[in-house]
Amino acid sequence: MQKMNLNLCAIALLLFGSISLVHSRAVDIVDNENNDADNSIEPEEEQQPAQSKHSRNRLFEDDWLKFTKTPPTKMQQAAGATIEIVCEMMGSQVPSIQWIVGHMPRSEIDNLESNAITEYAPSAIVRVKSVHVIDHMLSEPRVYTCIGRSGSKTIYASTVVHPSHSDLELGGLIATEKQYQGPQKPRIIYTEKTHLDLMGSTIMLPCKVHARPHARITWKSNEDKEIVQSHRFKVLPTGDLLIIGLKWEDMGNYKCIAHNAVGHDSADTFVYPVLKDED
């Protein structure tokens, strides 16, 4: 297979999902009166790209970020059920996703500092997925907001989760919200679905897990073999996979597997090394 340079890589990206080149911003408007959310799109003002010596190694001169799966506007929690809210986005560099619970004005979301340690990778294009797990019974409607950041871009959207009608009919007798008891099978809640970066780069593939008891994490390589620690492949104590000095032969699917005594879960990341443009 012929190696692709950075300029042709945009064509390959279409295989992983559509990329809109129209600058847009996904905005959630939180209505404090009716606990509802409106996931709408508002255009951003066009900005002239700043030229630099690093721009030749980027697919897009401007930072960009878009939802590939927007969280639903509303969800209904059944009695005793665990809720999972899924949020996916794709962008330049390595997008980060964090969740906030409760109402927050738009201006505060814009100024909110991320609690995530972001990876500096100006040449990367990454599709990331985050799942927020609600493993307790809600006593009232609550807003959960997914916030994504990549470089200078921020997008966000909210979901209002309503508690079970049967619990509401109890007349507010449920005064506290206690976590469900007992073991829980692993659920991978933070992972990358696609990661493209220049050959020679060091990349980290996240694998965050929600489980009780604690889950053991292993990885399988693009050859479907369990990864053992080496000078180039390292499974970190956090469960993330570090690949040092990305090579063309590293291209392929990498699988994170989490398992405990109750069950298991897995998630795939497709890694695509990109040939650096000639100077």
C-alpha atoms as a PDB file:
ATOM      1  CA  MET A   1       0.000   0.000   0.000  1.00  0.00           C
ATOM      2  CA  GLN A   2       1.369   3.367  -0.961  1.00  0.00           C
ATOM      3  CA  LYS A   3       2.067   5.804   1.843  1.00  0.00           C
ATOM      4  CA  MET A   4      -0.153   8.848   1.863  1.00  0.00           C
ATOM      5  CA  ASN A   5       1.119  12.349   2.375  1.00  0.00           C
ATOM      6  CA  LEU A   6      -0.618  14.844   4.598  1.00  0.00           C
ATOM      7  CA  ASN A   7      -2.410  16.659   1.784  1.00  0.00           C
ATOM      8  CA  LEU A   8      -4.081  13.471   0.498  1.00  0.00           C
ATOM      9  CA  CYS A   9      -5.013  12.309   3.983  1.00  0.00           C
ATOM     10  CA  ALA A  10      -8.216  14.383   3.936  1.00  0.00           C
ATOM     11  CA  ILE A  11      -9.640  11.878   1.449  1.00  0.00           C
ATOM     12  CA  ALA A  12      -8.968   9.032   3.869  1.00  0.00           C
ATOM     13  CA  LEU A  13     -10.770  10.903   6.618  1.00  0.00           C
ATOM     14  CA  LEU A  14     -14.011  10.640   4.703  1.00  0.00           C
ATOM     15  CA  LEU A  15     -13.880   6.908   5.362  1.00  0.00           C
ATOM     16  CA  PHE A  16     -14.147   7.552   9.096  1.00  0.00           C
ATOM     17  CA  GLY A  17     -17.016  10.024   8.992  1.00  0.00           C
ATOM     18  CA  SER A  18     -18.041  13.196   7.264  1.00  0.00           C
ATOM     19  CA  ILE A  19     -16.035  16.333   8.029  1.00  0.00           C
ATOM     20  CA  SER A  20     -17.742  19.663   7.610  1.00  0.00           C
ATOM     21  CA  LEU A  21     -15.425  22.426   6.520  1.00  0.00           C
ATOM     22  CA  VAL A  22     -18.015  25.048   7.388  1.00  0.00           C
ATOM     23  CA  HIS A  23     -16.956  26.704  10.646  1.00  0.00           C
ATOM     24  CA  SER A  24     -19.741  26.041  13.130  1.00  0.00           C
ATOM     25  CA  ARG A  25     -20.318  25.759  16.810  1.00  0.00           C
ATOM     26  CA  ALA A  26     -22.647  23.353  18.566  1.00  0.00           C
ATOM     27  CA  VAL A  27     -24.308  25.239  21.377  1.00  0.00           C
ATOM     28  CA  ASP A  28     -26.664  24.010  24.029  1.00  0.00           C
ATOM     29  CA  ILE A  29     -29.044  26.557  25.521  1.00  0.00           C
ATOM     30  CA  VAL A  30     -30.041  25.640  29.071  1.00  0.00           C
ATOM     31  CA  ASP A  31     -33.478  26.858  30.065  1.00  0.00           C
ATOM     32  CA  ASN A  32     -33.613  27.215  33.828  1.00  0.00           C
ATOM     33  CA  GLU A  33     -37.404  27.303  33.846  1.00  0.00           C
ATOM     34  CA  ASN A  34     -38.325  24.093  32.060  1.00  0.00           C
ATOM     35  CA  ASN A  35     -35.139  22.013  32.413  1.00  0.00           C
ATOM     36  CA  ASP A  36     -35.047  21.591  28.640  1.00  0.00           C
ATOM     37  CA  ALA A  37     -32.160  21.842  26.233  1.00  0.00           C
ATOM     38  CA  ASP A  38     -31.919  23.048  22.640  1.00  0.00           C
ATOM     39  CA  ASN A  39     -28.972  21.603  20.720  1.00  0.00           C
ATOM     40  CA  SER A  40     -28.574  24.203  18.005  1.00  0.00           C
ATOM     41  CA  ILE A  41     -25.835  25.243  15.579  1.00  0.00           C
ATOM     42  CA  GLU A  42     -24.561  28.804  15.547  1.00  0.00           C
ATOM     43  CA  PRO A  43     -22.023  29.943  12.923  1.00  0.00           C
ATOM     44  CA  GLU A  44     -18.736  31.396  14.091  1.00  0.00           C
ATOM     45  CA  GLU A  45     -17.102  34.458  12.651  1.00  0.00           C
ATOM     46  CA  GLU A  46     -14.588  33.666   9.947  1.00  0.00           C
ATOM     47  CA  GLN A  47     -10.963  34.173  10.962  1.00  0.00           C
ATOM     48  CA  GLN A  48      -7.953  34.474   8.735  1.00  0.00           C
ATOM     49  CA  PRO A  49      -5.538  31.579   9.263  1.00  0.00           C
ATOM     50  CA  ALA A  50      -2.186  32.454  10.776  1.00  0.00           C
ATOM     51  CA  GLN A  51       0.668  31.147   8.674  1.00  0.00           C
ATOM     52  CA  SER A  52       3.584  29.477  10.409  1.00  0.00           C
ATOM     53  CA  LYS A  53       6.378  27.087   9.633  1.00  0.00           C
ATOM     54  CA  HIS A  54       4.349  24.325  11.306  1.00  0.00           C
ATOM     55  CA  SER A  55       1.295  24.744   9.050  1.00  0.00           C
ATOM     56  CA  ARG A  56       2.729  22.516   6.311  1.00  0.00           C
ATOM     57  CA  ASN A  57       2.421  19.561   8.711  1.00  0.00           C
ATOM     58  CA  ARG A  58      -1.274  20.156   9.391  1.00  0.00           C
ATOM     59  CA  LEU A  59      -4.285  19.173   7.320  1.00  0.00           C
ATOM     60  CA  PHE A  60      -6.083  22.351   8.343  1.00  0.00           C
ATOM     61  CA  GLU A  61      -4.395  25.638   9.185  1.00  0.00           C
ATOM     62  CA  ASP A  62      -7.180  26.516  11.644  1.00  0.00           C
ATOM     63  CA  ASP A  63      -8.197  24.428  14.643  1.00  0.00           C
ATOM     64  CA  TRP A  64     -11.486  22.637  14.024  1.00  0.00           C
ATOM     65  CA  LEU A  65     -13.842  20.474  16.042  1.00  0.00           C
ATOM     66  CA  LYS A  66     -17.254  18.952  15.296  1.00  0.00           C
ATOM     67  CA  PHE A  67     -19.679  16.485  16.827  1.00  0.00           C
ATOM     68  CA  THR A  68     -19.870  13.082  15.171  1.00  0.00           C
ATOM     69  CA  LYS A  69     -22.499  11.946  17.698  1.00  0.00           C
ATOM     70  CA  THR A  70     -24.385  14.611  19.636  1.00  0.00           C
ATOM     71  CA  PRO A  71     -25.873  13.604  23.008  1.00  0.00           C
ATOM     72  CA  PRO A  72     -29.683  13.350  22.980  1.00  0.00           C
ATOM     73  CA  THR A  73     -31.601  16.381  24.197  1.00  0.00           C
ATOM     74  CA  LYS A  74     -33.708  14.358  26.662  1.00  0.00           C
ATOM     75  CA  MET A  75     -33.563  10.938  28.308  1.00  0.00           C
ATOM     76  CA  GLN A  76     -35.950   9.131  30.657  1.00  0.00           C
ATOM     77  CA  GLN A  77     -34.553   6.986  33.459  1.00  0.00           C
ATOM     78  CA  ALA A  78     -36.491   3.827  34.216  1.00  0.00           C
ATOM     79  CA  ALA A  79     -36.749   2.667  37.806  1.00  0.00           C
ATOM     80  CA  GLY A  80     -33.445   1.117  38.894  1.00  0.00           C
ATOM     81  CA  ALA A  81     -31.821   1.651  35.492  1.00  0.00           C
ATOM     82  CA  THR A  82     -28.301   2.828  34.734  1.00  0.00           C
ATOM     83  CA  ILE A  83     -28.153   5.664  32.191  1.00  0.00           C
ATOM     84  CA  GLU A  84     -25.335   6.089  29.665  1.00  0.00           C
ATOM     85  CA  ILE A  85     -25.006   9.363  27.752  1.00  0.00           C
ATOM     86  CA  VAL A  86     -22.737   9.100  24.689  1.00  0.00           C
ATOM     87  CA  CYS A  87     -20.822  12.040  23.235  1.00  0.00           C
ATOM     88  CA  GLU A  88     -18.476  11.783  20.224  1.00  0.00           C
ATOM     89  CA  MET A  89     -16.473  14.420  18.397  1.00  0.00           C
ATOM     90  CA  MET A  90     -13.666  14.722  15.883  1.00  0.00           C
ATOM     91  CA  GLY A  91     -11.118  17.462  15.431  1.00  0.00           C
ATOM     92  CA  SER A  92      -7.601  18.641  14.839  1.00  0.00           C
ATOM     93  CA  GLN A  93      -4.944  17.944  17.464  1.00  0.00           C
ATOM     94  CA  VAL A  94      -6.339  15.687  20.224  1.00  0.00           C
ATOM     95  CA  PRO A  95      -9.801  16.805  21.389  1.00  0.00           C
ATOM     96  CA  SER A  96     -10.624  16.415  25.071  1.00  0.00           C
ATOM     97  CA  ILE A  97     -14.093  15.829  26.522  1.00  0.00           C
ATOM     98  CA  GLN A  98     -15.307  16.619  30.008  1.00  0.00           C
ATOM     99  CA  TRP A  99     -18.758  16.514  31.613  1.00  0.00           C
ATOM    100  CA  ILE A 100     -20.416  18.970  33.966  1.00  0.00           C
ATOM    101  CA  VAL A 101     -23.558  18.269  35.973  1.00  0.00           C
ATOM    102  CA  GLY A 102     -26.247  20.887  36.590  1.00  0.00           C
ATOM    103  CA  HIS A 103     -27.150  24.210  35.044  1.00  0.00           C
ATOM    104  CA  MET A 104     -24.359  26.457  33.876  1.00  0.00           C
ATOM    105  CA  PRO A 105     -24.743  29.673  31.846  1.00  0.00           C
ATOM    106  CA  ARG A 106     -23.176  29.695  28.413  1.00  0.00           C
ATOM    107  CA  SER A 107     -20.665  32.377  29.410  1.00  0.00           C
ATOM    108  CA  GLU A 108     -19.391  30.213  32.266  1.00  0.00           C
ATOM    109  CA  ILE A 109     -19.033  27.203  29.970  1.00  0.00           C
ATOM    110  CA  ASP A 110     -16.941  29.304  27.577  1.00  0.00           C
ATOM    111  CA  ASN A 111     -14.633  30.322  30.439  1.00  0.00           C
ATOM    112  CA  LEU A 112     -14.586  26.955  32.201  1.00  0.00           C
ATOM    113  CA  GLU A 113     -11.091  25.562  32.575  1.00  0.00           C
ATOM    114  CA  SER A 114     -10.682  21.966  31.534  1.00  0.00           C
ATOM    115  CA  ASN A 115      -9.779  19.427  34.228  1.00  0.00           C
ATOM    116  CA  ALA A 116      -8.232  17.151  31.603  1.00  0.00           C
ATOM    117  CA  ILE A 117      -4.542  16.966  30.765  1.00  0.00           C
ATOM    118  CA  THR A 118      -4.470  17.674  27.060  1.00  0.00           C
ATOM    119  CA  GLU A 119      -1.972  16.095  24.708  1.00  0.00           C
ATOM    120  CA  TYR A 120      -0.095  18.503  22.430  1.00  0.00           C
ATOM    121  CA  ALA A 121      -0.190  16.963  18.966  1.00  0.00           C
ATOM    122  CA  PRO A 122      -0.597  19.703  16.321  1.00  0.00           C
ATOM    123  CA  SER A 123      -0.439  17.243  13.417  1.00  0.00           C
ATOM    124  CA  ALA A 124      -3.035  14.795  14.771  1.00  0.00           C
ATOM    125  CA  ILE A 125      -6.653  14.301  13.751  1.00  0.00           C
ATOM    126  CA  VAL A 126      -8.623  12.323  16.318  1.00  0.00           C
ATOM    127  CA  ARG A 127     -12.169  11.070  16.834  1.00  0.00           C
ATOM    128  CA  VAL A 128     -12.886  10.663  20.550  1.00  0.00           C
ATOM    129  CA  LYS A 129     -15.809   9.084  22.406  1.00  0.00           C
ATOM    130  CA  SER A 130     -16.915   9.720  25.983  1.00  0.00           C
ATOM    131  CA  VAL A 131     -19.719   8.028  27.933  1.00  0.00           C
ATOM    132  CA  HIS A 132     -21.153   9.533  31.114  1.00  0.00           C
ATOM    133  CA  VAL A 133     -22.596   6.842  33.401  1.00  0.00           C
ATOM    134  CA  ILE A 134     -25.395   7.612  35.878  1.00  0.00           C
ATOM    135  CA  ASP A 135     -25.377   4.642  38.251  1.00  0.00           C
ATOM    136  CA  HIS A 136     -27.863   5.991  40.770  1.00  0.00           C
ATOM    137  CA  MET A 137     -31.565   6.840  40.754  1.00  0.00           C
ATOM    138  CA  LEU A 138     -32.266  10.509  40.158  1.00  0.00           C
ATOM    139  CA  SER A 139     -34.722  12.317  42.417  1.00  0.00           C
ATOM    140  CA  GLU A 140     -35.267  15.225  40.017  1.00  0.00           C
ATOM    141  CA  PRO A 141     -34.500  16.207  36.406  1.00  0.00           C
ATOM    142  CA  ARG A 142     -30.819  16.999  35.884  1.00  0.00           C
ATOM    143  CA  VAL A 143     -28.718  18.495  33.091  1.00  0.00           C
ATOM    144  CA  TYR A 144     -25.511  16.788  31.908  1.00  0.00           C
ATOM    145  CA  THR A 145     -23.311  18.791  29.528  1.00  0.00           C
ATOM    146  CA  CYS A 146     -20.607  17.337  27.293  1.00  0.00           C
ATOM    147  CA  ILE A 147     -17.860  19.905  26.616  1.00  0.00           C
ATOM    148  CA  GLY A 148     -15.250  19.308  23.934  1.00  0.00           C
ATOM    149  CA  ARG A 149     -12.079  21.296  23.376  1.00  0.00           C
ATOM    150  CA  SER A 150      -9.373  21.261  20.748  1.00  0.00           C
ATOM    151  CA  GLY A 151      -6.902  24.109  20.491  1.00  0.00           C
ATOM    152  CA  SER A 152      -8.923  27.328  20.324  1.00  0.00           C
ATOM    153  CA  LYS A 153     -12.245  25.557  19.678  1.00  0.00           C
ATOM    154  CA  THR A 154     -14.928  24.634  22.215  1.00  0.00           C
ATOM    155  CA  ILE A 155     -18.238  22.890  21.512  1.00  0.00           C
ATOM    156  CA  TYR A 156     -20.866  21.634  23.913  1.00  0.00           C
ATOM    157  CA  ALA A 157     -24.300  20.043  24.102  1.00  0.00           C
ATOM    158  CA  SER A 158     -26.546  19.008  26.981  1.00  0.00           C
ATOM    159  CA  THR A 159     -28.894  16.218  27.923  1.00  0.00           C
ATOM    160  CA  VAL A 160     -31.715  16.550  30.455  1.00  0.00           C
ATOM    161  CA  VAL A 161     -32.298  13.245  32.255  1.00  0.00           C
ATOM    162  CA  HIS A 162     -35.729  12.859  33.844  1.00  0.00           C
ATOM    163  CA  PRO A 163     -36.254  10.398  36.713  1.00  0.00           C
ATOM    164  CA  SER A 164     -38.722   7.550  36.632  1.00  0.00           C
ATOM    165  CA  HIS A 165     -42.375   8.605  36.648  1.00  0.00           C
ATOM    166  CA  SER A 166     -43.059   6.039  39.378  1.00  0.00           C
ATOM    167  CA  ASP A 167     -40.500   7.673  41.642  1.00  0.00           C
ATOM    168  CA  LEU A 168     -41.967  11.116  41.012  1.00  0.00           C
ATOM    169  CA  GLU A 169     -45.402   9.769  41.952  1.00  0.00           C
ATOM    170  CA  LEU A 170     -44.044   8.924  45.416  1.00  0.00           C
ATOM    171  CA  GLY A 171     -44.403  12.587  46.237  1.00  0.00           C
ATOM    172  CA  GLY A 172     -40.726  13.348  46.661  1.00  0.00           C
ATOM    173  CA  LEU A 173     -40.145  10.628  49.250  1.00  0.00           C
ATOM    174  CA  ILE A 174     -36.752   9.903  47.686  1.00  0.00           C
ATOM    175  CA  ALA A 175     -34.693  12.573  49.421  1.00  0.00           C
ATOM    176  CA  THR A 176     -31.244  11.200  48.650  1.00  0.00           C
ATOM    177  CA  GLU A 177     -29.628   9.713  45.600  1.00  0.00           C
ATOM    178  CA  LYS A 178     -27.622   6.635  46.503  1.00  0.00           C
ATOM    179  CA  GLN A 179     -25.351   4.721  44.179  1.00  0.00           C
ATOM    180  CA  TYR A 180     -26.630   1.315  43.135  1.00  0.00           C
ATOM    181  CA  GLN A 181     -25.154  -1.425  45.261  1.00  0.00           C
ATOM    182  CA  GLY A 182     -23.357  -4.544  44.069  1.00  0.00           C
ATOM    183  CA  PRO A 183     -20.747  -5.240  41.385  1.00  0.00           C
ATOM    184  CA  GLN A 184     -20.879  -3.690  37.935  1.00  0.00           C
ATOM    185  CA  LYS A 185     -19.418  -5.054  34.710  1.00  0.00           C
ATOM    186  CA  PRO A 186     -16.801  -2.838  33.043  1.00  0.00           C
ATOM    187  CA  ARG A 187     -17.918  -0.077  30.715  1.00  0.00           C
ATOM    188  CA  ILE A 188     -15.261   1.725  28.681  1.00  0.00           C
ATOM    189  CA  ILE A 189     -16.216   5.377  29.046  1.00  0.00           C
ATOM    190  CA  TYR A 190     -13.386   7.230  27.276  1.00  0.00           C
ATOM    191  CA  THR A 191     -11.611   6.109  24.141  1.00  0.00           C
ATOM    192  CA  GLU A 192     -10.546   7.222  20.681  1.00  0.00           C
ATOM    193  CA  LYS A 193     -12.233   5.691  17.641  1.00  0.00           C
ATOM    194  CA  THR A 194      -9.726   7.045  15.110  1.00  0.00           C
ATOM    195  CA  HIS A 195      -6.239   8.512  15.539  1.00  0.00           C
ATOM    196  CA  LEU A 196      -4.224   9.923  12.614  1.00  0.00           C
ATOM    197  CA  ASP A 197      -0.775  11.399  13.143  1.00  0.00           C
ATOM    198  CA  LEU A 198       2.581  11.837  11.448  1.00  0.00           C
ATOM    199  CA  MET A 199       5.007   8.952  11.286  1.00  0.00           C
ATOM    200  CA  GLY A 200       7.616   9.317  14.013  1.00  0.00           C
ATOM    201  CA  SER A 201       5.130  10.816  16.473  1.00  0.00           C
ATOM    202  CA  THR A 202       4.458   9.464  19.948  1.00  0.00           C
ATOM    203  CA  ILE A 203       0.738   8.888  20.466  1.00  0.00           C
ATOM    204  CA  MET A 204      -1.362   7.844  23.440  1.00  0.00           C
ATOM    205  CA  LEU A 205      -4.592   5.884  23.053  1.00  0.00           C
ATOM    206  CA  PRO A 206      -6.848   6.363  26.106  1.00  0.00           C
ATOM    207  CA  CYS A 207      -8.953   3.652  27.712  1.00  0.00           C
ATOM    208  CA  LYS A 208     -10.890   4.833  30.777  1.00  0.00           C
ATOM    209  CA  VAL A 209     -13.205   2.339  32.479  1.00  0.00           C
ATOM    210  CA  HIS A 210     -16.191   2.475  34.824  1.00  0.00           C
ATOM    211  CA  ALA A 211     -16.374  -0.779  36.818  1.00  0.00           C
ATOM    212  CA  ARG A 212     -16.902  -2.300  40.258  1.00  0.00           C
ATOM    213  CA  PRO A 213     -14.737  -4.066  41.286  1.00  0.00           C
ATOM    214  CA  HIS A 214     -11.727  -2.566  39.504  1.00  0.00           C
ATOM    215  CA  ALA A 215     -11.221  -3.853  35.971  1.00  0.00           C
ATOM    216  CA  ARG A 216      -8.002  -5.199  34.483  1.00  0.00           C
ATOM    217  CA  ILE A 217      -7.094  -3.608  31.161  1.00  0.00           C
ATOM    218  CA  THR A 218      -5.220  -5.279  28.328  1.00  0.00           C
ATOM    219  CA  TRP A 219      -4.605  -4.240  24.719  1.00  0.00           C
ATOM    220  CA  LYS A 220      -4.461  -6.166  21.449  1.00  0.00           C
ATOM    221  CA  SER A 221      -2.296  -4.959  18.585  1.00  0.00           C
ATOM    222  CA  ASN A 222      -3.139  -4.452  14.912  1.00  0.00           C
ATOM    223  CA  GLU A 223      -2.149  -8.118  14.496  1.00  0.00           C
ATOM    224  CA  ASP A 224      -4.767  -9.169  17.093  1.00  0.00           C
ATOM    225  CA  LYS A 225      -2.060 -10.193  19.591  1.00  0.00           C
ATOM    226  CA  GLU A 226      -1.925  -9.113  23.216  1.00  0.00           C
ATOM    227  CA  ILE A 227       0.518  -6.230  23.604  1.00  0.00           C
ATOM    228  CA  VAL A 228       3.428  -6.783  25.970  1.00  0.00           C
ATOM    229  CA  GLN A 229       5.590  -3.989  27.299  1.00  0.00           C
ATOM    230  CA  SER A 230       8.437  -3.012  24.971  1.00  0.00           C
ATOM    231  CA  HIS A 231      10.523   0.022  24.126  1.00  0.00           C
ATOM    232  CA  ARG A 232       7.832   1.192  21.661  1.00  0.00           C
ATOM    233  CA  PHE A 233       4.558  -0.103  23.134  1.00  0.00           C
ATOM    234  CA  LYS A 234       3.700   0.606  26.768  1.00  0.00           C
ATOM    235  CA  VAL A 235       0.435  -0.024  28.621  1.00  0.00           C
ATOM    236  CA  LEU A 236       0.391   2.676  31.288  1.00  0.00           C
ATOM    237  CA  PRO A 237      -0.948   2.188  34.848  1.00  0.00           C
ATOM    238  CA  THR A 238      -3.963   4.286  33.785  1.00  0.00           C
ATOM    239  CA  GLY A 239      -4.809   1.692  31.125  1.00  0.00           C
ATOM    240  CA  ASP A 240      -3.810   3.970  28.232  1.00  0.00           C
ATOM    241  CA  LEU A 241      -1.594   2.657  25.432  1.00  0.00           C
ATOM    242  CA  LEU A 242       1.544   4.601  24.511  1.00  0.00           C
ATOM    243  CA  ILE A 243       3.039   4.072  21.046  1.00  0.00           C
ATOM    244  CA  ILE A 244       6.484   5.623  20.562  1.00  0.00           C
ATOM    245  CA  GLY A 245       7.874   6.483  17.141  1.00  0.00           C
ATOM    246  CA  LEU A 246       4.807   5.743  15.016  1.00  0.00           C
ATOM    247  CA  LYS A 247       5.619   3.620  11.954  1.00  0.00           C
ATOM    248  CA  TRP A 248       3.697   2.817   8.777  1.00  0.00           C
ATOM    249  CA  GLU A 249       3.423  -0.839   9.802  1.00  0.00           C
ATOM    250  CA  ASP A 250       1.641   0.269  13.011  1.00  0.00           C
ATOM    251  CA  MET A 251      -1.458   1.118  10.968  1.00  0.00           C
ATOM    252  CA  GLY A 252      -4.525  -0.852  11.939  1.00  0.00           C
ATOM    253  CA  ASN A 253      -7.008  -1.588  14.691  1.00  0.00           C
ATOM    254  CA  TYR A 254      -6.025  -1.609  18.382  1.00  0.00           C
ATOM    255  CA  LYS A 255      -8.425  -3.097  20.914  1.00  0.00           C
ATOM    256  CA  CYS A 256      -8.697  -2.144  24.591  1.00  0.00           C
ATOM    257  CA  ILE A 257     -10.236  -4.909  26.715  1.00  0.00           C
ATOM    258  CA  ALA A 258     -11.478  -4.355  30.273  1.00  0.00           C
ATOM    259  CA  HIS A 259     -12.636  -7.246  32.408  1.00  0.00           C
ATOM    260  CA  ASN A 260     -13.505  -8.047  36.021  1.00  0.00           C
ATOM    261  CA  ALA A 261     -15.345 -10.863  37.806  1.00  0.00           C
ATOM    262  CA  VAL A 262     -18.715  -9.643  36.484  1.00  0.00           C
ATOM    263  CA  GLY A 263     -17.991  -9.255  32.782  1.00  0.00           C
ATOM    264  CA  HIS A 264     -15.986  -7.426  30.157  1.00  0.00           C
ATOM    265  CA  ASP A 265     -16.115  -4.620  27.595  1.00  0.00           C
ATOM    266  CA  SER A 266     -13.931  -3.672  24.642  1.00  0.00           C
ATOM    267  CA  ALA A 267     -13.321  -0.686  22.371  1.00  0.00           C
ATOM    268  CA  ASP A 268     -11.428  -0.322  19.086  1.00  0.00           C
ATOM    269  CA  THR A 269      -9.144   2.489  17.924  1.00  0.00           C
ATOM    270  CA  PHE A 270      -7.986   2.695  14.320  1.00  0.00           C
ATOM    271  CA  VAL A 271      -4.474   4.159  14.056  1.00  0.00           C
ATOM    272  CA  TYR A 272      -3.416   5.738  10.757  1.00  0.00           C
ATOM    273  CA  PRO A 273       0.221   6.857  10.371  1.00  0.00           C
ATOM    274  CA  VAL A 274       0.668   9.694   7.877  1.00  0.00           C
ATOM    275  CA  LEU A 275       3.739  10.372   5.749  1.00  0.00           C
ATOM    276  CA  LYS A 276       5.183  13.794   6.514  1.00  0.00           C
ATOM    277  CA  ASP A 277       5.286  16.270   3.636  1.00  0.00           C
ATOM    278  CA  GLU A 278       8.690  16.889   2.148  1.00  0.00           C
ATOM    279  CA  ASP A 279      10.197  20.259   3.047  1.00  0.00           C
END
